Amino acid sequence: MDWDSAKKHCKERNWAWSLELINKAQTEMEALEEKVKKLEDQQKALRLYNACNY
């Protein structure tokens, strides 16, 4: 999602509630993306560990 375009659109129309919602959604998405990356890294490490033990 293009967060900057959405924010600009809301600012132009003075939609404070939408802007607040977009900021919250962006923060949540960034946190989820970070969590997914950590889990993927853990999964890769576990696969490597298991492969070395056989």
N, C-alpha and C. Protein backbone atom coordinates (compact mmCIF):
# COMPACT_ATOMS: atom_id res chain seq x y z
N MET A 1 0.85 -1.18 0.00
CA MET A 1 0.00 0.00 0.00
C MET A 1 0.89 1.23 0.00
N ASP A 2 0.46 2.23 -0.71
CA ASP A 2 1.19 3.49 -0.77
C ASP A 2 0.69 4.41 0.35
N TRP A 3 1.37 4.33 1.48
CA TRP A 3 0.93 5.08 2.66
C TRP A 3 0.99 6.58 2.44
N ASP A 4 2.04 7.04 1.76
CA ASP A 4 2.20 8.48 1.56
C ASP A 4 1.08 9.08 0.72
N SER A 5 0.67 8.38 -0.33
CA SER A 5 -0.43 8.87 -1.17
C SER A 5 -1.74 8.92 -0.39
N ALA A 6 -1.97 7.89 0.41
CA ALA A 6 -3.19 7.86 1.21
C ALA A 6 -3.21 9.00 2.23
N LYS A 7 -2.06 9.24 2.86
CA LYS A 7 -1.97 10.34 3.83
C LYS A 7 -2.19 11.69 3.16
N LYS A 8 -1.58 11.87 1.99
CA LYS A 8 -1.73 13.14 1.26
C LYS A 8 -3.20 13.37 0.90
N HIS A 9 -3.85 12.32 0.44
CA HIS A 9 -5.26 12.41 0.06
C HIS A 9 -6.12 12.86 1.25
N CYS A 10 -5.86 12.29 2.41
CA CYS A 10 -6.63 12.63 3.61
C CYS A 10 -6.32 14.04 4.09
N LYS A 11 -5.06 14.43 4.00
CA LYS A 11 -4.69 15.79 4.42
C LYS A 11 -5.35 16.85 3.54
N GLU A 12 -5.40 16.56 2.23
CA GLU A 12 -6.02 17.50 1.28
C GLU A 12 -7.51 17.69 1.59
N ARG A 13 -8.15 16.65 2.07
CA ARG A 13 -9.59 16.71 2.35
C ARG A 13 -9.90 16.95 3.83
N ASN A 14 -8.83 17.12 4.60
CA ASN A 14 -8.96 17.38 6.04
C ASN A 14 -9.73 16.26 6.74
N TRP A 15 -9.37 15.04 6.42
CA TRP A 15 -9.99 13.88 7.03
C TRP A 15 -9.10 13.36 8.16
N ALA A 16 -9.19 13.97 9.30
CA ALA A 16 -8.32 13.64 10.43
C ALA A 16 -8.54 12.20 10.89
N TRP A 17 -9.79 11.77 10.93
CA TRP A 17 -10.07 10.41 11.42
C TRP A 17 -9.47 9.37 10.49
N SER A 18 -9.52 9.62 9.18
CA SER A 18 -8.94 8.68 8.21
C SER A 18 -7.42 8.67 8.31
N LEU A 19 -6.86 9.85 8.51
CA LEU A 19 -5.41 9.96 8.64
C LEU A 19 -4.93 9.20 9.87
N GLU A 20 -5.68 9.32 10.95
CA GLU A 20 -5.33 8.59 12.18
C GLU A 20 -5.42 7.08 11.94
N LEU A 21 -6.45 6.66 11.24
CA LEU A 21 -6.62 5.24 10.93
C LEU A 21 -5.47 4.73 10.05
N ILE A 22 -5.08 5.52 9.07
CA ILE A 22 -3.98 5.13 8.18
C ILE A 22 -2.68 5.02 8.96
N ASN A 23 -2.42 5.96 9.85
CA ASN A 23 -1.20 5.91 10.66
C ASN A 23 -1.17 4.66 11.53
N LYS A 24 -2.31 4.33 12.12
CA LYS A 24 -2.40 3.14 12.96
C LYS A 24 -2.19 1.88 12.13
N ALA A 25 -2.83 1.81 10.97
CA ALA A 25 -2.70 0.65 10.09
C ALA A 25 -1.26 0.49 9.62
N GLN A 26 -0.62 1.61 9.28
CA GLN A 26 0.77 1.54 8.83
C GLN A 26 1.68 1.01 9.94
N THR A 27 1.49 1.49 11.15
CA THR A 27 2.28 1.03 12.28
C THR A 27 2.08 -0.46 12.52
N GLU A 28 0.83 -0.91 12.48
CA GLU A 28 0.54 -2.33 12.68
C GLU A 28 1.13 -3.19 11.57
N MET A 29 1.04 -2.74 10.33
CA MET A 29 1.59 -3.50 9.20
C MET A 29 3.10 -3.61 9.30
N GLU A 30 3.76 -2.53 9.68
CA GLU A 30 5.21 -2.56 9.82
C GLU A 30 5.63 -3.52 10.93
N ALA A 31 4.88 -3.53 12.02
CA ALA A 31 5.18 -4.45 13.13
C ALA A 31 4.97 -5.90 12.68
N LEU A 32 3.90 -6.15 11.94
CA LEU A 32 3.63 -7.51 11.44
C LEU A 32 4.69 -7.96 10.44
N GLU A 33 5.12 -7.06 9.57
CA GLU A 33 6.15 -7.40 8.60
C GLU A 33 7.46 -7.75 9.31
N GLU A 34 7.78 -7.02 10.36
CA GLU A 34 8.98 -7.30 11.14
C GLU A 34 8.88 -8.66 11.83
N LYS A 35 7.70 -8.95 12.36
CA LYS A 35 7.48 -10.24 13.04
C LYS A 35 7.59 -11.40 12.04
N VAL A 36 7.02 -11.23 10.86
CA VAL A 36 7.10 -12.27 9.83
C VAL A 36 8.55 -12.51 9.44
N LYS A 37 9.32 -11.45 9.28
CA LYS A 37 10.73 -11.61 8.92
C LYS A 37 11.49 -12.38 10.00
N LYS A 38 11.23 -12.06 11.27
CA LYS A 38 11.89 -12.78 12.36
C LYS A 38 11.52 -14.25 12.35
N LEU A 39 10.24 -14.55 12.13
CA LEU A 39 9.80 -15.95 12.09
C LEU A 39 10.40 -16.69 10.91
N GLU A 40 10.49 -16.03 9.76
CA GLU A 40 11.11 -16.67 8.59
C GLU A 40 12.58 -16.95 8.85
N ASP A 41 13.27 -16.00 9.50
CA ASP A 41 14.68 -16.20 9.83
C ASP A 41 14.86 -17.36 10.80
N GLN A 42 13.96 -17.46 11.79
CA GLN A 42 14.02 -18.57 12.74
C GLN A 42 13.79 -19.90 12.03
N GLN A 43 12.85 -19.92 11.11
CA GLN A 43 12.55 -21.14 10.37
C GLN A 43 13.75 -21.58 9.52
N LYS A 44 14.41 -20.62 8.87
CA LYS A 44 15.60 -20.94 8.08
C LYS A 44 16.70 -21.49 8.98
N ALA A 45 16.90 -20.88 10.13
CA ALA A 45 17.93 -21.33 11.06
C ALA A 45 17.62 -22.74 11.55
N LEU A 46 16.38 -23.02 11.84
CA LEU A 46 15.99 -24.34 12.31
C LEU A 46 16.20 -25.40 11.22
N ARG A 47 15.87 -25.06 9.99
CA ARG A 47 16.10 -26.00 8.88
C ARG A 47 17.58 -26.29 8.72
N LEU A 48 18.39 -25.25 8.80
CA LEU A 48 19.83 -25.44 8.69
C LEU A 48 20.36 -26.30 9.83
N TYR A 49 19.90 -26.03 11.03
CA TYR A 49 20.31 -26.81 12.20
C TYR A 49 19.94 -28.27 12.02
N ASN A 50 18.70 -28.51 11.60
CA ASN A 50 18.23 -29.89 11.41
C ASN A 50 19.00 -30.59 10.29
N ALA A 51 19.33 -29.86 9.23
CA ALA A 51 20.06 -30.45 8.12
C ALA A 51 21.47 -30.86 8.54
N CYS A 52 22.07 -30.11 9.44
CA CYS A 52 23.42 -30.40 9.89
C CYS A 52 23.45 -31.57 10.87
N ASN A 53 22.34 -31.90 11.46
CA ASN A 53 22.30 -32.98 12.46
C ASN A 53 22.02 -34.35 11.84
N TYR A 54 21.81 -34.42 10.54
CA TYR A 54 21.53 -35.72 9.92
C TYR A 54 22.75 -36.29 9.25
